[in-house]
Structure formats: structure tokens, C-alpha cells
Amino acid sequence: MPIKVFIYDDNESRRDSLKALVELTPEILFTGAAADCSNLANDMTAYEPDVVLMDINMPNVDGMEGLRQIRQSFPHIKVLMQTVFDDSEKIFTSIRNGASGYILKKDSPQRILQAIQEVH
């Protein structure tokens, strides 16, 4: 049974490359993506992911709020926060608020896939 992954990232090319990475990995299944967490409840209900790759900084509804909503309404879903820089304050806050882990956007594709498998 593949690990189902949903991606939140406001950067379209980043979403596309994460999608391509996931689609090239047989044990991981890309289920969907969005530019922010505005429709989070609908996304989680429709796509039923096992793991969410969550960008911390997004317009409208950001990753911290998205994480809060997932923890509240979909506690079985694992959330991997992703950030551009090693912002220890935001990373610490997201882990404290229930994130399963985090990746840096500059991490290698292998490290990202490993992180998805580890939190799952």
C-alpha cells in the first residue's frame, strides 16, 4: 500500500517538482496539491493523504494554521513542515503544535523521500 501524499506550497514550480519526485517513487502516491490551506478540510476529506508536505510560509491560510486544522480535525494525518531556511523558531513551534517533522526546501530528493517514509 503506497504512502499517500498531499502537498501545500505557494510556489508552483516547487509543487511541480515535489509532485514529480513523488510520482517517480513507487512506494509513494501523489494525491493532490494546493497553493495554500484555504480549502484544507475539503482537501483532506477528498484526497485522504497519509502525509502532508506543508510549506510554513504561504499567503492567505499559512502552514501553521493548516497544521492546527489538521491536528484538530484529522489527527491521523502526519504533517511534514517544509521551510526555505533553518528558522528554528517556526520549526520548534510547528513541532510543538503537532508536526511530525520538518524538511528544508534545499534538502536532497532522497532526504525528502526518506522523511516522508520516516514520519509515515
PDB file of N, CA and C in Angstrom:
ATOM      1  N   MET A   1       0.850  -1.190   0.000  1.00  0.00           N
ATOM      2  CA  MET A   1       0.000   0.000   0.000  1.00  0.00           C
ATOM      3  C   MET A   1       0.892   1.250   0.000  1.00  0.00           C
ATOM      4  N   PRO A   2       0.818   2.056  -1.058  1.00  0.00           N
ATOM      5  CA  PRO A   2       1.687   3.245  -1.109  1.00  0.00           C
ATOM      6  C   PRO A   2       1.282   4.308  -0.069  1.00  0.00           C
ATOM      7  N   ILE A   3       2.252   5.129   0.303  1.00  0.00           N
ATOM      8  CA  ILE A   3       2.004   6.251   1.209  1.00  0.00           C
ATOM      9  C   ILE A   3       1.389   7.381   0.383  1.00  0.00           C
ATOM     10  N   LYS A   4       0.184   7.818   0.759  1.00  0.00           N
ATOM     11  CA  LYS A   4      -0.493   8.877   0.007  1.00  0.00           C
ATOM     12  C   LYS A   4      -0.046  10.247   0.526  1.00  0.00           C
ATOM     13  N   VAL A   5       0.415  11.104  -0.405  1.00  0.00           N
ATOM     14  CA  VAL A   5       0.983  12.402  -0.043  1.00  0.00           C
ATOM     15  C   VAL A   5       0.219  13.547  -0.702  1.00  0.00           C
ATOM     16  N   PHE A   6      -0.066  14.580   0.095  1.00  0.00           N
ATOM     17  CA  PHE A   6      -0.664  15.826  -0.401  1.00  0.00           C
ATOM     18  C   PHE A   6       0.338  16.941  -0.129  1.00  0.00           C
ATOM     19  N   ILE A   7       0.448  17.902  -1.063  1.00  0.00           N
ATOM     20  CA  ILE A   7       1.457  18.965  -0.968  1.00  0.00           C
ATOM     21  C   ILE A   7       0.798  20.336  -0.893  1.00  0.00           C
ATOM     22  N   TYR A   8       1.185  21.117   0.134  1.00  0.00           N
ATOM     23  CA  TYR A   8       0.810  22.536   0.205  1.00  0.00           C
ATOM     24  C   TYR A   8       2.061  23.366   0.004  1.00  0.00           C
ATOM     25  N   ASP A   9       2.070  24.175  -1.056  1.00  0.00           N
ATOM     26  CA  ASP A   9       3.191  25.084  -1.314  1.00  0.00           C
ATOM     27  C   ASP A   9       2.707  26.168  -2.261  1.00  0.00           C
ATOM     28  N   ASP A  10       2.999  27.425  -1.937  1.00  0.00           N
ATOM     29  CA  ASP A  10       2.529  28.518  -2.793  1.00  0.00           C
ATOM     30  C   ASP A  10       3.394  28.693  -4.039  1.00  0.00           C
ATOM     31  N   ASN A  11       4.534  28.015  -4.098  1.00  0.00           N
ATOM     32  CA  ASN A  11       5.418  28.111  -5.257  1.00  0.00           C
ATOM     33  C   ASN A  11       5.074  26.985  -6.241  1.00  0.00           C
ATOM     34  N   GLU A  12       4.544  27.361  -7.406  1.00  0.00           N
ATOM     35  CA  GLU A  12       4.066  26.367  -8.366  1.00  0.00           C
ATOM     36  C   GLU A  12       5.174  25.433  -8.844  1.00  0.00           C
ATOM     37  N   SER A  13       6.367  25.972  -9.118  1.00  0.00           N
ATOM     38  CA  SER A  13       7.439  25.099  -9.603  1.00  0.00           C
ATOM     39  C   SER A  13       7.900  24.148  -8.500  1.00  0.00           C
ATOM     40  N   ARG A  14       7.859  24.594  -7.246  1.00  0.00           N
ATOM     41  CA  ARG A  14       8.189  23.703  -6.124  1.00  0.00           C
ATOM     42  C   ARG A  14       7.142  22.584  -6.018  1.00  0.00           C
ATOM     43  N   ARG A  15       5.859  22.935  -6.140  1.00  0.00           N
ATOM     44  CA  ARG A  15       4.798  21.907  -6.116  1.00  0.00           C
ATOM     45  C   ARG A  15       5.026  20.894  -7.235  1.00  0.00           C
ATOM     46  N   ASP A  16       5.335  21.400  -8.430  1.00  0.00           N
ATOM     47  CA  ASP A  16       5.546  20.513  -9.584  1.00  0.00           C
ATOM     48  C   ASP A  16       6.736  19.586  -9.370  1.00  0.00           C
ATOM     49  N   SER A  17       7.840  20.114  -8.808  1.00  0.00           N
ATOM     50  CA  SER A  17       8.999  19.231  -8.622  1.00  0.00           C
ATOM     51  C   SER A  17       8.757  18.214  -7.514  1.00  0.00           C
ATOM     52  N   LEU A  18       8.043  18.597  -6.459  1.00  0.00           N
ATOM     53  CA  LEU A  18       7.712  17.620  -5.416  1.00  0.00           C
ATOM     54  C   LEU A  18       6.781  16.548  -5.973  1.00  0.00           C
ATOM     55  N   LYS A  19       5.821  16.977  -6.788  1.00  0.00           N
ATOM     56  CA  LYS A  19       4.900  16.020  -7.407  1.00  0.00           C
ATOM     57  C   LYS A  19       5.676  15.035  -8.276  1.00  0.00           C
ATOM     58  N   ALA A  20       6.598  15.537  -9.089  1.00  0.00           N
ATOM     59  CA  ALA A  20       7.398  14.675  -9.969  1.00  0.00           C
ATOM     60  C   ALA A  20       8.234  13.700  -9.140  1.00  0.00           C
ATOM     61  N   LEU A  21       8.835  14.194  -8.071  1.00  0.00           N
ATOM     62  CA  LEU A  21       9.641  13.341  -7.194  1.00  0.00           C
ATOM     63  C   LEU A  21       8.799  12.206  -6.618  1.00  0.00           C
ATOM     64  N   VAL A  22       7.622  12.564  -6.108  1.00  0.00           N
ATOM     65  CA  VAL A  22       6.733  11.570  -5.505  1.00  0.00           C
ATOM     66  C   VAL A  22       6.255  10.568  -6.566  1.00  0.00           C
ATOM     67  N   GLU A  23       5.911  11.063  -7.748  1.00  0.00           N
ATOM     68  CA  GLU A  23       5.396  10.178  -8.801  1.00  0.00           C
ATOM     69  C   GLU A  23       6.452   9.207  -9.315  1.00  0.00           C
ATOM     70  N   LEU A  24       7.734   9.538  -9.149  1.00  0.00           N
ATOM     71  CA  LEU A  24       8.813   8.649  -9.582  1.00  0.00           C
ATOM     72  C   LEU A  24       9.146   7.586  -8.528  1.00  0.00           C
ATOM     73  N   THR A  25       8.459   7.645  -7.403  1.00  0.00           N
ATOM     74  CA  THR A  25       8.755   6.745  -6.289  1.00  0.00           C
ATOM     75  C   THR A  25       7.590   5.770  -6.116  1.00  0.00           C
ATOM     76  N   PRO A  26       7.791   4.497  -6.459  1.00  0.00           N
ATOM     77  CA  PRO A  26       6.684   3.532  -6.467  1.00  0.00           C
ATOM     78  C   PRO A  26       5.950   3.396  -5.133  1.00  0.00           C
ATOM     79  N   GLU A  27       6.661   3.519  -4.011  1.00  0.00           N
ATOM     80  CA  GLU A  27       6.014   3.300  -2.715  1.00  0.00           C
ATOM     81  C   GLU A  27       5.303   4.548  -2.170  1.00  0.00           C
ATOM     82  N   ILE A  28       5.335   5.644  -2.949  1.00  0.00           N
ATOM     83  CA  ILE A  28       4.652   6.870  -2.530  1.00  0.00           C
ATOM     84  C   ILE A  28       3.713   7.317  -3.646  1.00  0.00           C
ATOM     85  N   LEU A  29       2.491   7.714  -3.266  1.00  0.00           N
ATOM     86  CA  LEU A  29       1.470   8.100  -4.237  1.00  0.00           C
ATOM     87  C   LEU A  29       1.113   9.574  -4.057  1.00  0.00           C
ATOM     88  N   PHE A  30       1.260  10.363  -5.137  1.00  0.00           N
ATOM     89  CA  PHE A  30       0.837  11.770  -5.115  1.00  0.00           C
ATOM     90  C   PHE A  30      -0.680  11.816  -5.199  1.00  0.00           C
ATOM     91  N   THR A  31      -1.336  12.492  -4.233  1.00  0.00           N
ATOM     92  CA  THR A  31      -2.802  12.563  -4.285  1.00  0.00           C
ATOM     93  C   THR A  31      -3.313  13.935  -4.693  1.00  0.00           C
ATOM     94  N   GLY A  32      -2.540  15.004  -4.414  1.00  0.00           N
ATOM     95  CA  GLY A  32      -3.000  16.331  -4.786  1.00  0.00           C
ATOM     96  C   GLY A  32      -2.105  17.405  -4.214  1.00  0.00           C
ATOM     97  N   ALA A  33      -2.404  18.670  -4.595  1.00  0.00           N
ATOM     98  CA  ALA A  33      -1.600  19.801  -4.137  1.00  0.00           C
ATOM     99  C   ALA A  33      -2.437  21.066  -4.172  1.00  0.00           C
ATOM    100  N   ALA A  34      -2.022  22.054  -3.365  1.00  0.00           N
ATOM    101  CA  ALA A  34      -2.697  23.345  -3.347  1.00  0.00           C
ATOM    102  C   ALA A  34      -1.702  24.434  -2.966  1.00  0.00           C
ATOM    103  N   ALA A  35      -2.032  25.684  -3.334  1.00  0.00           N
ATOM    104  CA  ALA A  35      -1.139  26.822  -3.098  1.00  0.00           C
ATOM    105  C   ALA A  35      -1.219  27.352  -1.671  1.00  0.00           C
ATOM    106  N   ASP A  36      -2.294  27.020  -0.957  1.00  0.00           N
ATOM    107  CA  ASP A  36      -2.414  27.393   0.458  1.00  0.00           C
ATOM    108  C   ASP A  36      -3.477  26.513   1.101  1.00  0.00           C
ATOM    109  N   CYS A  37      -3.744  26.755   2.374  1.00  0.00           N
ATOM    110  CA  CYS A  37      -4.648  25.876   3.129  1.00  0.00           C
ATOM    111  C   CYS A  37      -6.090  26.382   3.179  1.00  0.00           C
ATOM    112  N   SER A  38      -6.497  27.219   2.218  1.00  0.00           N
ATOM    113  CA  SER A  38      -7.853  27.785   2.218  1.00  0.00           C
ATOM    114  C   SER A  38      -8.947  26.724   2.205  1.00  0.00           C
ATOM    115  N   ASN A  39      -8.702  25.615   1.511  1.00  0.00           N
ATOM    116  CA  ASN A  39      -9.713  24.547   1.413  1.00  0.00           C
ATOM    117  C   ASN A  39      -9.246  23.274   2.082  1.00  0.00           C
ATOM    118  N   LEU A  40      -8.509  23.412   3.181  1.00  0.00           N
ATOM    119  CA  LEU A  40      -7.870  22.270   3.828  1.00  0.00           C
ATOM    120  C   LEU A  40      -8.843  21.148   4.168  1.00  0.00           C
ATOM    121  N   ALA A  41      -9.950  21.454   4.802  1.00  0.00           N
ATOM    122  CA  ALA A  41     -10.898  20.400   5.208  1.00  0.00           C
ATOM    123  C   ALA A  41     -11.379  19.615   3.988  1.00  0.00           C
ATOM    124  N   ASN A  42     -11.724  20.321   2.915  1.00  0.00           N
ATOM    125  CA  ASN A  42     -12.158  19.643   1.685  1.00  0.00           C
ATOM    126  C   ASN A  42     -11.026  18.804   1.090  1.00  0.00           C
ATOM    127  N   ASP A  43      -9.796  19.378   1.073  1.00  0.00           N
ATOM    128  CA  ASP A  43      -8.642  18.655   0.524  1.00  0.00           C
ATOM    129  C   ASP A  43      -8.401  17.349   1.285  1.00  0.00           C
ATOM    130  N   MET A  44      -8.407  17.418   2.609  1.00  0.00           N
ATOM    131  CA  MET A  44      -8.108  16.230   3.417  1.00  0.00           C
ATOM    132  C   MET A  44      -9.201  15.174   3.275  1.00  0.00           C
ATOM    133  N   THR A  45     -10.458  15.623   3.195  1.00  0.00           N
ATOM    134  CA  THR A  45     -11.576  14.699   3.042  1.00  0.00           C
ATOM    135  C   THR A  45     -11.567  14.050   1.659  1.00  0.00           C
ATOM    136  N   ALA A  46     -11.302  14.848   0.630  1.00  0.00           N
ATOM    137  CA  ALA A  46     -11.344  14.334  -0.741  1.00  0.00           C
ATOM    138  C   ALA A  46     -10.152  13.430  -1.062  1.00  0.00           C
ATOM    139  N   TYR A  47      -8.956  13.786  -0.587  1.00  0.00           N
ATOM    140  CA  TYR A  47      -7.743  13.073  -1.009  1.00  0.00           C
ATOM    141  C   TYR A  47      -7.217  12.067   0.012  1.00  0.00           C
ATOM    142  N   GLU A  48      -7.671  12.163   1.256  1.00  0.00           N
ATOM    143  CA  GLU A  48      -7.300  11.231   2.322  1.00  0.00           C
ATOM    144  C   GLU A  48      -5.810  10.890   2.346  1.00  0.00           C
ATOM    145  N   PRO A  49      -4.939  11.897   2.451  1.00  0.00           N
ATOM    146  CA  PRO A  49      -3.500  11.599   2.467  1.00  0.00           C
ATOM    147  C   PRO A  49      -3.065  10.968   3.793  1.00  0.00           C
ATOM    148  N   ASP A  50      -1.942  10.248   3.729  1.00  0.00           N
ATOM    149  CA  ASP A  50      -1.308   9.733   4.939  1.00  0.00           C
ATOM    150  C   ASP A  50      -0.344  10.787   5.493  1.00  0.00           C
ATOM    151  N   VAL A  51       0.311  11.510   4.549  1.00  0.00           N
ATOM    152  CA  VAL A  51       1.315  12.506   4.907  1.00  0.00           C
ATOM    153  C   VAL A  51       1.057  13.780   4.106  1.00  0.00           C
ATOM    154  N   VAL A  52       1.169  14.931   4.774  1.00  0.00           N
ATOM    155  CA  VAL A  52       1.055  16.222   4.109  1.00  0.00           C
ATOM    156  C   VAL A  52       2.414  16.916   4.178  1.00  0.00           C
ATOM    157  N   LEU A  53       2.909  17.361   3.013  1.00  0.00           N
ATOM    158  CA  LEU A  53       4.086  18.225   2.973  1.00  0.00           C
ATOM    159  C   LEU A  53       3.555  19.648   3.051  1.00  0.00           C
ATOM    160  N   MET A  54       3.875  20.340   4.145  1.00  0.00           N
ATOM    161  CA  MET A  54       3.260  21.636   4.445  1.00  0.00           C
ATOM    162  C   MET A  54       4.293  22.755   4.436  1.00  0.00           C
ATOM    163  N   ASP A  55       4.173  23.664   3.465  1.00  0.00           N
ATOM    164  CA  ASP A  55       5.013  24.858   3.451  1.00  0.00           C
ATOM    165  C   ASP A  55       4.601  25.712   4.648  1.00  0.00           C
ATOM    166  N   ILE A  56       5.567  26.270   5.372  1.00  0.00           N
ATOM    167  CA  ILE A  56       5.217  27.109   6.528  1.00  0.00           C
ATOM    168  C   ILE A  56       4.680  28.465   6.069  1.00  0.00           C
ATOM    169  N   ASN A  57       5.392  29.103   5.128  1.00  0.00           N
ATOM    170  CA  ASN A  57       5.026  30.463   4.703  1.00  0.00           C
ATOM    171  C   ASN A  57       4.241  30.445   3.400  1.00  0.00           C
ATOM    172  N   MET A  58       2.928  30.702   3.507  1.00  0.00           N
ATOM    173  CA  MET A  58       2.061  30.799   2.324  1.00  0.00           C
ATOM    174  C   MET A  58       1.104  31.964   2.543  1.00  0.00           C
ATOM    175  N   PRO A  59       0.607  32.567   1.457  1.00  0.00           N
ATOM    176  CA  PRO A  59      -0.393  33.646   1.624  1.00  0.00           C
ATOM    177  C   PRO A  59      -1.740  33.073   2.074  1.00  0.00           C
ATOM    178  N   ASN A  60      -2.645  33.935   2.424  1.00  0.00           N
ATOM    179  CA  ASN A  60      -3.999  33.562   2.855  1.00  0.00           C
ATOM    180  C   ASN A  60      -3.952  32.692   4.104  1.00  0.00           C
ATOM    181  N   VAL A  61      -4.075  31.374   3.942  1.00  0.00           N
ATOM    182  CA  VAL A  61      -4.034  30.467   5.094  1.00  0.00           C
ATOM    183  C   VAL A  61      -2.688  29.748   5.083  1.00  0.00           C
ATOM    184  N   ASP A  62      -1.813  30.072   6.043  1.00  0.00           N
ATOM    185  CA  ASP A  62      -0.443  29.552   6.026  1.00  0.00           C
ATOM    186  C   ASP A  62      -0.319  28.165   6.640  1.00  0.00           C
ATOM    187  N   GLY A  63       0.893  27.652   6.644  1.00  0.00           N
ATOM    188  CA  GLY A  63       1.145  26.293   7.096  1.00  0.00           C
ATOM    189  C   GLY A  63       0.913  26.079   8.585  1.00  0.00           C
ATOM    190  N   MET A  64       1.148  27.110   9.407  1.00  0.00           N
ATOM    191  CA  MET A  64       0.920  26.969  10.846  1.00  0.00           C
ATOM    192  C   MET A  64      -0.574  26.779  11.126  1.00  0.00           C
ATOM    193  N   GLU A  65      -1.407  27.551  10.439  1.00  0.00           N
ATOM    194  CA  GLU A  65      -2.861  27.408  10.587  1.00  0.00           C
ATOM    195  C   GLU A  65      -3.322  26.071   9.990  1.00  0.00           C
ATOM    196  N   GLY A  66      -2.733  25.683   8.840  1.00  0.00           N
ATOM    197  CA  GLY A  66      -3.065  24.395   8.234  1.00  0.00           C
ATOM    198  C   GLY A  66      -2.742  23.245   9.166  1.00  0.00           C
ATOM    199  N   LEU A  67      -1.585  23.323   9.815  1.00  0.00           N
ATOM    200  CA  LEU A  67      -1.190  22.302  10.781  1.00  0.00           C
ATOM    201  C   LEU A  67      -2.198  22.239  11.927  1.00  0.00           C
ATOM    202  N   ARG A  68      -2.609  23.390  12.427  1.00  0.00           N
ATOM    203  CA  ARG A  68      -3.575  23.443  13.528  1.00  0.00           C
ATOM    204  C   ARG A  68      -4.876  22.756  13.136  1.00  0.00           C
ATOM    205  N   GLN A  69      -5.356  23.050  11.919  1.00  0.00           N
ATOM    206  CA  GLN A  69      -6.609  22.444  11.447  1.00  0.00           C
ATOM    207  C   GLN A  69      -6.482  20.932  11.283  1.00  0.00           C
ATOM    208  N   ILE A  70      -5.348  20.475  10.767  1.00  0.00           N
ATOM    209  CA  ILE A  70      -5.158  19.024  10.589  1.00  0.00           C
ATOM    210  C   ILE A  70      -5.122  18.334  11.948  1.00  0.00           C
ATOM    211  N   ARG A  71      -4.381  18.891  12.892  1.00  0.00           N
ATOM    212  CA  ARG A  71      -4.290  18.288  14.229  1.00  0.00           C
ATOM    213  C   ARG A  71      -5.664  18.223  14.887  1.00  0.00           C
ATOM    214  N   GLN A  72      -6.479  19.244  14.649  1.00  0.00           N
ATOM    215  CA  GLN A  72      -7.799  19.316  15.266  1.00  0.00           C
ATOM    216  C   GLN A  72      -8.792  18.363  14.616  1.00  0.00           C
ATOM    217  N   SER A  73      -8.817  18.318  13.290  1.00  0.00           N
ATOM    218  CA  SER A  73      -9.866  17.572  12.597  1.00  0.00           C
ATOM    219  C   SER A  73      -9.414  16.265  11.959  1.00  0.00           C
ATOM    220  N   PHE A  74      -8.110  16.129  11.712  1.00  0.00           N
ATOM    221  CA  PHE A  74      -7.588  14.927  11.033  1.00  0.00           C
ATOM    222  C   PHE A  74      -6.319  14.451  11.750  1.00  0.00           C
ATOM    223  N   PRO A  75      -6.426  14.098  13.032  1.00  0.00           N
ATOM    224  CA  PRO A  75      -5.229  13.805  13.836  1.00  0.00           C
ATOM    225  C   PRO A  75      -4.409  12.614  13.345  1.00  0.00           C
ATOM    226  N   HIS A  76      -5.005  11.750  12.514  1.00  0.00           N
ATOM    227  CA  HIS A  76      -4.281  10.586  11.988  1.00  0.00           C
ATOM    228  C   HIS A  76      -3.313  10.946  10.863  1.00  0.00           C
ATOM    229  N   ILE A  77      -3.465  12.142  10.268  1.00  0.00           N
ATOM    230  CA  ILE A  77      -2.612  12.546   9.150  1.00  0.00           C
ATOM    231  C   ILE A  77      -1.304  13.112   9.694  1.00  0.00           C
ATOM    232  N   LYS A  78      -0.183  12.628   9.158  1.00  0.00           N
ATOM    233  CA  LYS A  78       1.139  13.119   9.544  1.00  0.00           C
ATOM    234  C   LYS A  78       1.465  14.368   8.736  1.00  0.00           C
ATOM    235  N   VAL A  79       2.091  15.347   9.385  1.00  0.00           N
ATOM    236  CA  VAL A  79       2.436  16.604   8.709  1.00  0.00           C
ATOM    237  C   VAL A  79       3.939  16.833   8.774  1.00  0.00           C
ATOM    238  N   LEU A  80       4.546  16.982   7.593  1.00  0.00           N
ATOM    239  CA  LEU A  80       5.958  17.318   7.476  1.00  0.00           C
ATOM    240  C   LEU A  80       6.039  18.778   7.060  1.00  0.00           C
ATOM    241  N   MET A  81       6.541  19.632   7.943  1.00  0.00           N
ATOM    242  CA  MET A  81       6.666  21.046   7.611  1.00  0.00           C
ATOM    243  C   MET A  81       7.865  21.226   6.686  1.00  0.00           C
ATOM    244  N   GLN A  82       7.743  22.147   5.730  1.00  0.00           N
ATOM    245  CA  GLN A  82       8.890  22.453   4.873  1.00  0.00           C
ATOM    246  C   GLN A  82       9.123  23.951   4.869  1.00  0.00           C
ATOM    247  N   THR A  83      10.375  24.324   4.978  1.00  0.00           N
ATOM    248  CA  THR A  83      10.721  25.731   5.040  1.00  0.00           C
ATOM    249  C   THR A  83      11.994  25.995   4.238  1.00  0.00           C
ATOM    250  N   VAL A  84      12.156  27.240   3.800  1.00  0.00           N
ATOM    251  CA  VAL A  84      13.283  27.616   2.957  1.00  0.00           C
ATOM    252  C   VAL A  84      14.572  27.670   3.767  1.00  0.00           C
ATOM    253  N   PHE A  85      14.478  28.198   4.956  1.00  0.00           N
ATOM    254  CA  PHE A  85      15.693  28.389   5.754  1.00  0.00           C
ATOM    255  C   PHE A  85      15.498  27.718   7.101  1.00  0.00           C
ATOM    256  N   ASP A  86      16.572  27.535   7.805  1.00  0.00           N
ATOM    257  CA  ASP A  86      16.529  26.855   9.088  1.00  0.00           C
ATOM    258  C   ASP A  86      15.982  27.797  10.154  1.00  0.00           C
ATOM    259  N   ASP A  87      14.692  28.087  10.085  1.00  0.00           N
ATOM    260  CA  ASP A  87      14.044  29.005  11.024  1.00  0.00           C
ATOM    261  C   ASP A  87      13.651  28.222  12.267  1.00  0.00           C
ATOM    262  N   SER A  88      14.572  28.151  13.220  1.00  0.00           N
ATOM    263  CA  SER A  88      14.362  27.268  14.371  1.00  0.00           C
ATOM    264  C   SER A  88      13.129  27.649  15.187  1.00  0.00           C
ATOM    265  N   GLU A  89      12.775  28.925  15.231  1.00  0.00           N
ATOM    266  CA  GLU A  89      11.594  29.345  15.994  1.00  0.00           C
ATOM    267  C   GLU A  89      10.314  28.751  15.391  1.00  0.00           C
ATOM    268  N   LYS A  90      10.141  28.908  14.081  1.00  0.00           N
ATOM    269  CA  LYS A  90       8.943  28.372  13.417  1.00  0.00           C
ATOM    270  C   LYS A  90       8.945  26.854  13.425  1.00  0.00           C
ATOM    271  N   ILE A  91      10.110  26.255  13.221  1.00  0.00           N
ATOM    272  CA  ILE A  91      10.197  24.793  13.237  1.00  0.00           C
ATOM    273  C   ILE A  91       9.832  24.280  14.630  1.00  0.00           C
ATOM    274  N   PHE A  92      10.396  24.902  15.672  1.00  0.00           N
ATOM    275  CA  PHE A  92      10.112  24.494  17.043  1.00  0.00           C
ATOM    276  C   PHE A  92       8.614  24.625  17.339  1.00  0.00           C
ATOM    277  N   THR A  93       8.034  25.745  16.948  1.00  0.00           N
ATOM    278  CA  THR A  93       6.607  25.982  17.172  1.00  0.00           C
ATOM    279  C   THR A  93       5.764  24.930  16.448  1.00  0.00           C
ATOM    280  N   SER A  94       6.121  24.612  15.206  1.00  0.00           N
ATOM    281  CA  SER A  94       5.322  23.638  14.456  1.00  0.00           C
ATOM    282  C   SER A  94       5.451  22.239  15.061  1.00  0.00           C
ATOM    283  N   ILE A  95       6.628  21.854  15.522  1.00  0.00           N
ATOM    284  CA  ILE A  95       6.791  20.545  16.170  1.00  0.00           C
ATOM    285  C   ILE A  95       5.966  20.526  17.464  1.00  0.00           C
ATOM    286  N   ARG A  96       6.043  21.620  18.231  1.00  0.00           N
ATOM    287  CA  ARG A  96       5.283  21.718  19.480  1.00  0.00           C
ATOM    288  C   ARG A  96       3.778  21.642  19.206  1.00  0.00           C
ATOM    289  N   ASN A  97       3.355  22.155  18.045  1.00  0.00           N
ATOM    290  CA  ASN A  97       1.937  22.152  17.685  1.00  0.00           C
ATOM    291  C   ASN A  97       1.499  20.867  16.985  1.00  0.00           C
ATOM    292  N   GLY A  98       2.377  19.874  16.924  1.00  0.00           N
ATOM    293  CA  GLY A  98       1.949  18.575  16.417  1.00  0.00           C
ATOM    294  C   GLY A  98       2.500  18.124  15.087  1.00  0.00           C
ATOM    295  N   ALA A  99       3.407  18.889  14.483  1.00  0.00           N
ATOM    296  CA  ALA A  99       4.011  18.423  13.230  1.00  0.00           C
ATOM    297  C   ALA A  99       4.824  17.162  13.511  1.00  0.00           C
ATOM    298  N   SER A 100       4.872  16.265  12.549  1.00  0.00           N
ATOM    299  CA  SER A 100       5.602  15.014  12.715  1.00  0.00           C
ATOM    300  C   SER A 100       7.089  15.176  12.433  1.00  0.00           C
ATOM    301  N   GLY A 101       7.455  16.260  11.752  1.00  0.00           N
ATOM    302  CA  GLY A 101       8.844  16.509  11.410  1.00  0.00           C
ATOM    303  C   GLY A 101       8.936  17.692  10.469  1.00  0.00           C
ATOM    304  N   TYR A 102      10.139  17.940   9.971  1.00  0.00           N
ATOM    305  CA  TYR A 102      10.304  19.035   9.015  1.00  0.00           C
ATOM    306  C   TYR A 102      11.418  18.714   8.033  1.00  0.00           C
ATOM    307  N   ILE A 103      11.342  19.352   6.876  1.00  0.00           N
ATOM    308  CA  ILE A 103      12.403  19.275   5.881  1.00  0.00           C
ATOM    309  C   ILE A 103      12.733  20.692   5.447  1.00  0.00           C
ATOM    310  N   LEU A 104      13.969  20.882   5.019  1.00  0.00           N
ATOM    311  CA  LEU A 104      14.354  22.156   4.421  1.00  0.00           C
ATOM    312  C   LEU A 104      14.159  22.018   2.918  1.00  0.00           C
ATOM    313  N   LYS A 105      13.732  23.095   2.274  1.00  0.00           N
ATOM    314  CA  LYS A 105      13.478  23.017   0.837  1.00  0.00           C
ATOM    315  C   LYS A 105      14.740  22.692   0.059  1.00  0.00           C
ATOM    316  N   LYS A 106      15.904  22.978   0.637  1.00  0.00           N
ATOM    317  CA  LYS A 106      17.163  22.684  -0.059  1.00  0.00           C
ATOM    318  C   LYS A 106      17.613  21.237   0.160  1.00  0.00           C
ATOM    319  N   ASP A 107      16.884  20.467   0.993  1.00  0.00           N
ATOM    320  CA  ASP A 107      17.248  19.063   1.221  1.00  0.00           C
ATOM    321  C   ASP A 107      17.233  18.287  -0.099  1.00  0.00           C
ATOM    322  N   SER A 108      18.049  17.248  -0.168  1.00  0.00           N
ATOM    323  CA  SER A 108      18.117  16.433  -1.381  1.00  0.00           C
ATOM    324  C   SER A 108      16.803  15.667  -1.576  1.00  0.00           C
ATOM    325  N   PRO A 109      16.497  15.299  -2.824  1.00  0.00           N
ATOM    326  CA  PRO A 109      15.295  14.493  -3.079  1.00  0.00           C
ATOM    327  C   PRO A 109      15.271  13.221  -2.224  1.00  0.00           C
ATOM    328  N   GLN A 110      16.428  12.578  -2.061  1.00  0.00           N
ATOM    329  CA  GLN A 110      16.493  11.361  -1.251  1.00  0.00           C
ATOM    330  C   GLN A 110      16.102  11.652   0.198  1.00  0.00           C
ATOM    331  N   ARG A 111      16.555  12.786   0.733  1.00  0.00           N
ATOM    332  CA  ARG A 111      16.248  13.150   2.117  1.00  0.00           C
ATOM    333  C   ARG A 111      14.747  13.421   2.270  1.00  0.00           C
ATOM    334  N   ILE A 112      14.129  14.063   1.280  1.00  0.00           N
ATOM    335  CA  ILE A 112      12.695  14.357   1.335  1.00  0.00           C
ATOM    336  C   ILE A 112      11.897  13.048   1.338  1.00  0.00           C
ATOM    337  N   LEU A 113      12.251  12.118   0.446  1.00  0.00           N
ATOM    338  CA  LEU A 113      11.560  10.828   0.387  1.00  0.00           C
ATOM    339  C   LEU A 113      11.757  10.044   1.683  1.00  0.00           C
ATOM    340  N   GLN A 114      12.965  10.104   2.220  1.00  0.00           N
ATOM    341  CA  GLN A 114      13.266   9.417   3.479  1.00  0.00           C
ATOM    342  C   GLN A 114      12.408   9.992   4.602  1.00  0.00           C
ATOM    343  N   ALA A 115      12.271  11.311   4.640  1.00  0.00           N
ATOM    344  CA  ALA A 115      11.463  11.966   5.679  1.00  0.00           C
ATOM    345  C   ALA A 115      10.000  11.540   5.586  1.00  0.00           C
ATOM    346  N   ILE A 116       9.458  11.463   4.362  1.00  0.00           N
ATOM    347  CA  ILE A 116       8.072  11.014   4.164  1.00  0.00           C
ATOM    348  C   ILE A 116       7.903   9.598   4.717  1.00  0.00           C
ATOM    349  N   GLN A 117       8.841   8.726   4.389  1.00  0.00           N
ATOM    350  CA  GLN A 117       8.750   7.337   4.847  1.00  0.00           C
ATOM    351  C   GLN A 117       8.915   7.245   6.363  1.00  0.00           C
ATOM    352  N   GLU A 118       9.814   8.058   6.925  1.00  0.00           N
ATOM    353  CA  GLU A 118      10.038   8.020   8.376  1.00  0.00           C
ATOM    354  C   GLU A 118       8.816   8.460   9.160  1.00  0.00           C
ATOM    355  N   VAL A 119       8.161   9.552   8.745  1.00  0.00           N
ATOM    356  CA  VAL A 119       7.001  10.016   9.527  1.00  0.00           C
ATOM    357  C   VAL A 119       5.799   9.101   9.349  1.00  0.00           C
ATOM    358  N   HIS A 120       5.726   8.436   8.203  1.00  0.00           N
ATOM    359  CA  HIS A 120       4.621   7.532   7.952  1.00  0.00           C
ATOM    360  C   HIS A 120       4.739   6.324   8.881  1.00  0.00           C
TER     361      HIS A 120
END
